[in-house]
Amino acid sequence: MQEVFHKIMSIIMALLLLLSTVSWKVEKHYCMGRLMDVALFTDVDTCGMDMPMSMDDENLGETENSCCDNEVVFVEGQDDLKISFNDLDVEQQSFLVAFTHTYLHSLQNVKEQPVPHKLYPPPILVKDIQLLDEVFLI
C-alpha cells in the first residue's frame, strides 16, 4: 500500500513540475461576438470573414475593424527552478531538516518489534522464593 502511494505521489509531483514549467497559449476566435474556435498551443482557425469593411470616401485610407476578433491568453512558464538551501532563513532551514528527517523515518518498515531486554541476561536465582514462601500457582 505504501509503495503504491509513493508511486502515485511521485507521478503527481512530476506532472505538477511539468505543468508549471510549460508555457501555455490559448487563442479564441470570435465572429460577430460569438465564439467560433478555441486552440491550445497552436494558432486558431479563422471563419474566413476577416476582410475589413471600408468606410466613407472621405476616410478612404482608413479601414474599420473587421467583424472578427482574436483573443490570445499567454501564460509564461517558470524558468528559474534552482532554489538554494542558503536562500532560506534559519527557521525555514530547521523546519525543512526536521520535516525531511521525520518523513524519511516514518516510511521505514519495521518487520519485527525490538526487544528491549534482549541483551540483558536474567538474574541468577540463589533460592527458589516460591518454595520458601510456599506460594504456588494453581
Protein backbone atom coordinates (compact mmCIF):
# COMPACT_ATOMS: atom_id res chain seq x y z
CA MET A 1 0.00 0.00 0.00
CA GLN A 2 2.80 2.36 0.90
CA GLU A 3 4.65 1.64 -2.36
CA VAL A 4 1.52 2.42 -4.40
CA PHE A 5 1.04 5.69 -2.51
CA HIS A 6 4.71 6.58 -3.08
CA LYS A 7 4.40 5.93 -6.84
CA ILE A 8 1.19 7.96 -7.12
CA MET A 9 2.74 10.91 -5.27
CA SER A 10 5.84 10.72 -7.50
CA ILE A 11 3.71 10.85 -10.64
CA ILE A 12 1.64 13.76 -9.30
CA MET A 13 4.76 15.74 -8.40
CA ALA A 14 6.33 15.07 -11.84
CA LEU A 15 3.14 16.27 -13.58
CA LEU A 16 2.99 19.35 -11.37
CA LEU A 17 6.59 20.20 -12.28
CA LEU A 18 5.87 19.67 -15.96
CA LEU A 19 2.71 21.81 -15.93
CA SER A 20 4.41 24.66 -14.05
CA THR A 21 7.36 24.87 -16.45
CA VAL A 22 5.44 24.72 -19.74
CA SER A 23 4.25 27.95 -21.35
CA TRP A 24 0.54 27.90 -22.22
CA LYS A 25 -1.11 29.76 -25.11
CA VAL A 26 -4.88 29.72 -25.63
CA GLU A 27 -6.34 31.52 -28.65
CA LYS A 28 -10.03 32.26 -29.15
CA HIS A 29 -11.65 33.44 -32.39
CA TYR A 30 -14.85 35.47 -32.16
CA CYS A 31 -17.01 36.24 -35.19
CA MET A 32 -19.74 38.86 -34.64
CA GLY A 33 -19.40 38.42 -30.91
CA ARG A 34 -19.83 34.62 -30.96
CA LEU A 35 -17.04 32.21 -30.07
CA MET A 36 -16.17 30.21 -33.17
CA ASP A 37 -12.92 28.37 -32.34
CA VAL A 38 -10.55 27.74 -29.45
CA ALA A 39 -6.97 26.47 -29.88
CA LEU A 40 -4.42 25.38 -27.29
CA PHE A 41 -0.69 25.84 -28.14
CA THR A 42 -1.45 26.49 -31.86
CA ASP A 43 -2.93 29.27 -33.98
CA VAL A 44 -6.70 29.43 -34.13
CA ASP A 45 -8.61 28.70 -37.36
CA THR A 46 -10.48 31.69 -38.72
CA CYS A 47 -14.01 31.69 -40.07
CA GLY A 48 -12.98 33.29 -43.39
CA MET A 49 -14.70 36.62 -42.74
CA ASP A 50 -11.56 38.51 -41.74
CA MET A 51 -11.77 41.08 -44.55
CA PRO A 52 -12.15 44.59 -43.14
CA MET A 53 -15.07 46.76 -44.29
CA SER A 54 -14.21 50.18 -45.77
CA MET A 55 -15.71 53.43 -44.51
CA ASP A 56 -16.94 56.52 -46.45
CA ASP A 57 -14.97 58.06 -49.30
CA GLU A 58 -13.60 60.80 -47.04
CA ASN A 59 -11.77 58.22 -44.91
CA LEU A 60 -10.64 56.14 -47.85
CA GLY A 61 -7.18 55.45 -46.44
CA GLU A 62 -8.51 54.11 -43.13
CA THR A 63 -10.40 50.86 -42.67
CA GLU A 64 -12.81 49.87 -39.96
CA ASN A 65 -12.11 46.81 -37.85
CA SER A 66 -13.47 43.57 -39.22
CA CYS A 67 -16.38 41.71 -37.72
CA CYS A 68 -13.98 39.09 -36.31
CA ASP A 69 -11.79 39.33 -33.24
CA ASN A 70 -9.00 37.14 -31.85
CA GLU A 71 -8.20 36.86 -28.17
CA VAL A 72 -4.86 35.40 -27.02
CA VAL A 73 -4.17 34.29 -23.44
CA PHE A 74 -0.50 33.51 -22.83
CA VAL A 75 0.80 32.12 -19.53
CA GLU A 76 4.59 32.13 -19.23
CA GLY A 77 6.13 29.01 -17.71
CA GLN A 78 8.54 29.12 -14.81
CA ASP A 79 12.19 29.19 -15.94
CA ASP A 80 14.14 29.59 -12.69
CA LEU A 81 13.80 26.33 -10.77
CA LYS A 82 17.06 26.46 -8.81
CA ILE A 83 16.28 27.29 -5.20
CA SER A 84 19.31 27.19 -2.95
CA PHE A 85 19.16 25.94 0.63
CA ASN A 86 21.08 29.08 1.64
CA ASP A 87 18.32 31.33 0.25
CA LEU A 88 16.04 30.22 3.11
CA ASP A 89 16.20 31.81 6.54
CA VAL A 90 17.24 29.83 9.64
CA GLU A 91 13.68 28.94 10.72
CA GLN A 92 12.79 27.59 7.29
CA GLN A 93 16.04 25.60 7.12
CA SER A 94 15.45 24.00 10.53
CA PHE A 95 11.85 23.16 9.62
CA LEU A 96 12.94 21.62 6.32
CA VAL A 97 15.61 19.48 8.00
CA ALA A 98 13.22 18.31 10.75
CA PHE A 99 10.40 17.58 8.29
CA THR A 100 12.70 15.61 5.97
CA HIS A 101 14.13 13.59 8.86
CA THR A 102 10.68 12.79 10.24
CA TYR A 103 9.25 11.94 6.81
CA LEU A 104 12.09 9.61 5.85
CA HIS A 105 11.98 7.75 9.16
CA SER A 106 8.20 7.35 9.03
CA LEU A 107 8.46 5.45 5.73
CA GLN A 108 10.75 2.72 7.08
CA ASN A 109 9.12 -0.66 7.60
CA VAL A 110 9.76 -2.31 10.95
CA LYS A 111 9.49 -6.04 10.36
CA GLU A 112 9.82 -7.22 13.96
CA GLN A 113 9.32 -5.35 17.16
CA PRO A 114 12.53 -4.58 19.07
CA VAL A 115 13.02 -6.46 22.32
CA PRO A 116 14.36 -4.00 24.91
CA HIS A 117 15.73 -6.65 27.32
CA LYS A 118 17.34 -8.88 24.70
CA LEU A 119 20.94 -8.05 25.69
CA TYR A 120 20.38 -8.39 29.45
CA PRO A 121 20.57 -11.90 30.99
CA PRO A 122 18.06 -12.84 33.68
CA PRO A 123 19.28 -12.71 37.29
CA ILE A 124 20.78 -15.83 38.80
CA LEU A 125 18.39 -17.48 41.26
CA VAL A 126 20.07 -18.37 44.52
CA LYS A 127 16.97 -19.68 46.25
CA ASP A 128 13.56 -20.62 44.96
CA ILE A 129 11.38 -17.99 46.60
CA GLN A 130 8.09 -19.73 45.75
CA LEU A 131 9.15 -22.81 47.71
CA LEU A 132 10.48 -20.77 50.61
CA ASP A 133 7.28 -18.79 50.94
CA GLU A 134 5.15 -21.79 50.00
CA VAL A 135 3.29 -19.83 47.36
CA PHE A 136 2.18 -21.94 44.39
CA LEU A 137 0.29 -21.07 41.29
CA ILE A 138 -2.83 -23.16 40.90
